[in-house]
Amino acid sequence: MTYSIIAERELVVAFSLVGVKGFIATSREEALLHFNALTAETPSDMQGVKILIISEQISEYLHEEIIQWQLKGDYPLIVEIPCLQGSMEGKKSLQDAIREAVGVHI
């Protein structure tokens, strides 16, 4: 399975150490450029990615685009991870979201 990441410099460097190709984005414009390249319908050397990892900050930049992409149900699947400083205030963790969806609280 092919992975890629769009995030801040530190996360991209960390993921590159385990072989994940990444793209640094520090603004909405940069994030959108990389996101569009990875999700374009025309073949390119960046396509073939099955899992796209994005940081919470990038998710904030691309909120509408990510929702539209997920509604298509196409690859790459998008996984959001916290920044190095931890989760952004007001963001649910994956564990909390699953608990809420399933209705189980322990």
C-alpha atoms as a PDB file:
ATOM      1  CA  MET A   1       0.000   0.000   0.000  1.00  0.00           C
ATOM      2  CA  THR A   2       1.337   3.432  -0.896  1.00  0.00           C
ATOM      3  CA  TYR A   3       1.292   6.244   1.648  1.00  0.00           C
ATOM      4  CA  SER A   4       1.946   9.969   1.406  1.00  0.00           C
ATOM      5  CA  ILE A   5       1.774  12.844   3.867  1.00  0.00           C
ATOM      6  CA  ILE A   6       1.007  16.557   3.642  1.00  0.00           C
ATOM      7  CA  ALA A   7       2.043  18.304   6.836  1.00  0.00           C
ATOM      8  CA  GLU A   8       4.429  20.613   8.600  1.00  0.00           C
ATOM      9  CA  ARG A   9       8.167  20.161   8.000  1.00  0.00           C
ATOM     10  CA  GLU A  10       8.828  18.161  11.193  1.00  0.00           C
ATOM     11  CA  LEU A  11       6.120  15.584  10.472  1.00  0.00           C
ATOM     12  CA  VAL A  12       7.179  15.192   6.845  1.00  0.00           C
ATOM     13  CA  VAL A  13      10.788  14.590   7.937  1.00  0.00           C
ATOM     14  CA  ALA A  14       9.699  12.088  10.605  1.00  0.00           C
ATOM     15  CA  PHE A  15       7.567  10.112   8.150  1.00  0.00           C
ATOM     16  CA  SER A  16      10.335  10.166   5.534  1.00  0.00           C
ATOM     17  CA  LEU A  17      12.492   8.186   7.975  1.00  0.00           C
ATOM     18  CA  VAL A  18      10.138   5.235   7.536  1.00  0.00           C
ATOM     19  CA  GLY A  19       9.845   5.643   3.774  1.00  0.00           C
ATOM     20  CA  VAL A  20       6.699   7.749   3.439  1.00  0.00           C
ATOM     21  CA  LYS A  21       6.967  10.404   0.731  1.00  0.00           C
ATOM     22  CA  GLY A  22       5.763  13.746   1.977  1.00  0.00           C
ATOM     23  CA  PHE A  23       5.003  17.301   1.013  1.00  0.00           C
ATOM     24  CA  ILE A  24       5.586  20.286   3.262  1.00  0.00           C
ATOM     25  CA  ALA A  25       2.796  22.844   3.397  1.00  0.00           C
ATOM     26  CA  THR A  26       2.846  26.042   5.424  1.00  0.00           C
ATOM     27  CA  SER A  27      -0.162  27.727   3.833  1.00  0.00           C
ATOM     28  CA  ARG A  28      -3.529  26.887   2.326  1.00  0.00           C
ATOM     29  CA  GLU A  29      -2.154  27.480  -1.173  1.00  0.00           C
ATOM     30  CA  GLU A  30       0.714  25.005  -0.726  1.00  0.00           C
ATOM     31  CA  ALA A  31      -1.571  22.431   0.893  1.00  0.00           C
ATOM     32  CA  LEU A  32      -4.127  22.767  -1.906  1.00  0.00           C
ATOM     33  CA  LEU A  33      -1.434  22.425  -4.577  1.00  0.00           C
ATOM     34  CA  HIS A  34      -0.190  19.126  -3.106  1.00  0.00           C
ATOM     35  CA  PHE A  35      -3.697  17.843  -2.375  1.00  0.00           C
ATOM     36  CA  ASN A  36      -4.825  18.509  -5.948  1.00  0.00           C
ATOM     37  CA  ALA A  37      -1.732  16.809  -7.356  1.00  0.00           C
ATOM     38  CA  LEU A  38      -2.358  13.696  -5.255  1.00  0.00           C
ATOM     39  CA  THR A  39      -6.067  13.510  -6.070  1.00  0.00           C
ATOM     40  CA  ALA A  40      -5.972  14.558  -9.734  1.00  0.00           C
ATOM     41  CA  GLU A  41      -7.858  12.376 -12.180  1.00  0.00           C
ATOM     42  CA  THR A  42      -5.087  12.520 -14.757  1.00  0.00           C
ATOM     43  CA  PRO A  43      -2.158  10.146 -14.241  1.00  0.00           C
ATOM     44  CA  SER A  44       0.968  11.605 -12.683  1.00  0.00           C
ATOM     45  CA  ASP A  45       3.995  10.394 -10.763  1.00  0.00           C
ATOM     46  CA  MET A  46       2.259  11.399  -7.517  1.00  0.00           C
ATOM     47  CA  GLN A  47      -0.728   9.167  -8.089  1.00  0.00           C
ATOM     48  CA  GLY A  48      -1.145   5.632  -6.870  1.00  0.00           C
ATOM     49  CA  VAL A  49      -1.269   6.811  -3.251  1.00  0.00           C
ATOM     50  CA  LYS A  50      -3.837   4.786  -1.329  1.00  0.00           C
ATOM     51  CA  ILE A  51      -3.530   6.483   2.078  1.00  0.00           C
ATOM     52  CA  LEU A  52      -3.017  10.242   2.399  1.00  0.00           C
ATOM     53  CA  ILE A  53      -1.958  11.327   5.869  1.00  0.00           C
ATOM     54  CA  ILE A  54      -2.614  14.953   6.733  1.00  0.00           C
ATOM     55  CA  SER A  55      -1.981  16.919   9.890  1.00  0.00           C
ATOM     56  CA  GLU A  56      -4.796  18.669  11.724  1.00  0.00           C
ATOM     57  CA  GLN A  57      -3.446  22.030  10.545  1.00  0.00           C
ATOM     58  CA  ILE A  58      -3.633  20.938   6.901  1.00  0.00           C
ATOM     59  CA  SER A  59      -7.112  19.606   7.574  1.00  0.00           C
ATOM     60  CA  GLU A  60      -8.119  23.076   8.729  1.00  0.00           C
ATOM     61  CA  TYR A  61      -6.719  24.583   5.507  1.00  0.00           C
ATOM     62  CA  LEU A  62      -8.514  22.077   3.274  1.00  0.00           C
ATOM     63  CA  HIS A  63     -11.700  21.359   5.191  1.00  0.00           C
ATOM     64  CA  GLU A  64     -14.149  21.736   2.284  1.00  0.00           C
ATOM     65  CA  GLU A  65     -11.931  19.964  -0.242  1.00  0.00           C
ATOM     66  CA  ILE A  66     -11.428  17.012   2.097  1.00  0.00           C
ATOM     67  CA  ILE A  67     -15.157  16.629   2.718  1.00  0.00           C
ATOM     68  CA  GLN A  68     -15.870  16.694  -1.020  1.00  0.00           C
ATOM     69  CA  TRP A  69     -13.123  14.132  -1.657  1.00  0.00           C
ATOM     70  CA  GLN A  70     -14.344  11.785   1.071  1.00  0.00           C
ATOM     71  CA  LEU A  71     -17.894  11.915  -0.303  1.00  0.00           C
ATOM     72  CA  LYS A  72     -16.558  10.561  -3.595  1.00  0.00           C
ATOM     73  CA  GLY A  73     -15.348   7.441  -1.799  1.00  0.00           C
ATOM     74  CA  ASP A  74     -12.228   7.225  -3.958  1.00  0.00           C
ATOM     75  CA  TYR A  75      -8.544   6.674  -3.227  1.00  0.00           C
ATOM     76  CA  PRO A  76      -6.543   8.013  -1.542  1.00  0.00           C
ATOM     77  CA  LEU A  77      -8.245   7.533   1.794  1.00  0.00           C
ATOM     78  CA  ILE A  78      -7.518  10.451   4.101  1.00  0.00           C
ATOM     79  CA  VAL A  79      -6.233   9.976   7.632  1.00  0.00           C
ATOM     80  CA  GLU A  80      -5.843  12.970   9.925  1.00  0.00           C
ATOM     81  CA  ILE A  81      -3.156  12.994  12.602  1.00  0.00           C
ATOM     82  CA  PRO A  82      -2.337  15.493  15.373  1.00  0.00           C
ATOM     83  CA  CYS A  83       0.536  17.939  14.990  1.00  0.00           C
ATOM     84  CA  LEU A  84       3.711  17.428  17.007  1.00  0.00           C
ATOM     85  CA  GLN A  85       2.364  19.781  19.678  1.00  0.00           C
ATOM     86  CA  GLY A  86      -0.647  17.494  20.176  1.00  0.00           C
ATOM     87  CA  SER A  87      -4.265  17.746  19.112  1.00  0.00           C
ATOM     88  CA  MET A  88      -5.682  21.153  18.364  1.00  0.00           C
ATOM     89  CA  GLU A  89      -8.115  22.509  20.913  1.00  0.00           C
ATOM     90  CA  GLY A  90     -11.657  21.356  20.219  1.00  0.00           C
ATOM     91  CA  LYS A  91     -10.603  18.417  18.004  1.00  0.00           C
ATOM     92  CA  LYS A  92     -11.815  14.943  18.891  1.00  0.00           C
ATOM     93  CA  SER A  93      -9.305  12.147  18.977  1.00  0.00           C
ATOM     94  CA  LEU A  94      -9.911   9.153  16.748  1.00  0.00           C
ATOM     95  CA  GLN A  95     -10.638   7.103  19.847  1.00  0.00           C
ATOM     96  CA  ASP A  96     -13.264   9.615  21.034  1.00  0.00           C
ATOM     97  CA  ALA A  97     -14.899   9.722  17.600  1.00  0.00           C
ATOM     98  CA  ILE A  98     -15.147   5.908  17.489  1.00  0.00           C
ATOM     99  CA  ARG A  99     -16.580   5.779  20.998  1.00  0.00           C
ATOM    100  CA  GLU A 100     -19.169   8.393  20.058  1.00  0.00           C
ATOM    101  CA  ALA A 101     -20.111   6.573  16.848  1.00  0.00           C
ATOM    102  CA  VAL A 102     -20.402   3.186  18.548  1.00  0.00           C
ATOM    103  CA  GLY A 103     -22.015   4.571  21.676  1.00  0.00           C
ATOM    104  CA  VAL A 104     -19.631   2.878  24.094  1.00  0.00           C
ATOM    105  CA  HIS A 105     -18.103   4.836  26.947  1.00  0.00           C
ATOM    106  CA  ILE A 106     -15.893   3.066  29.455  1.00  0.00           C
END
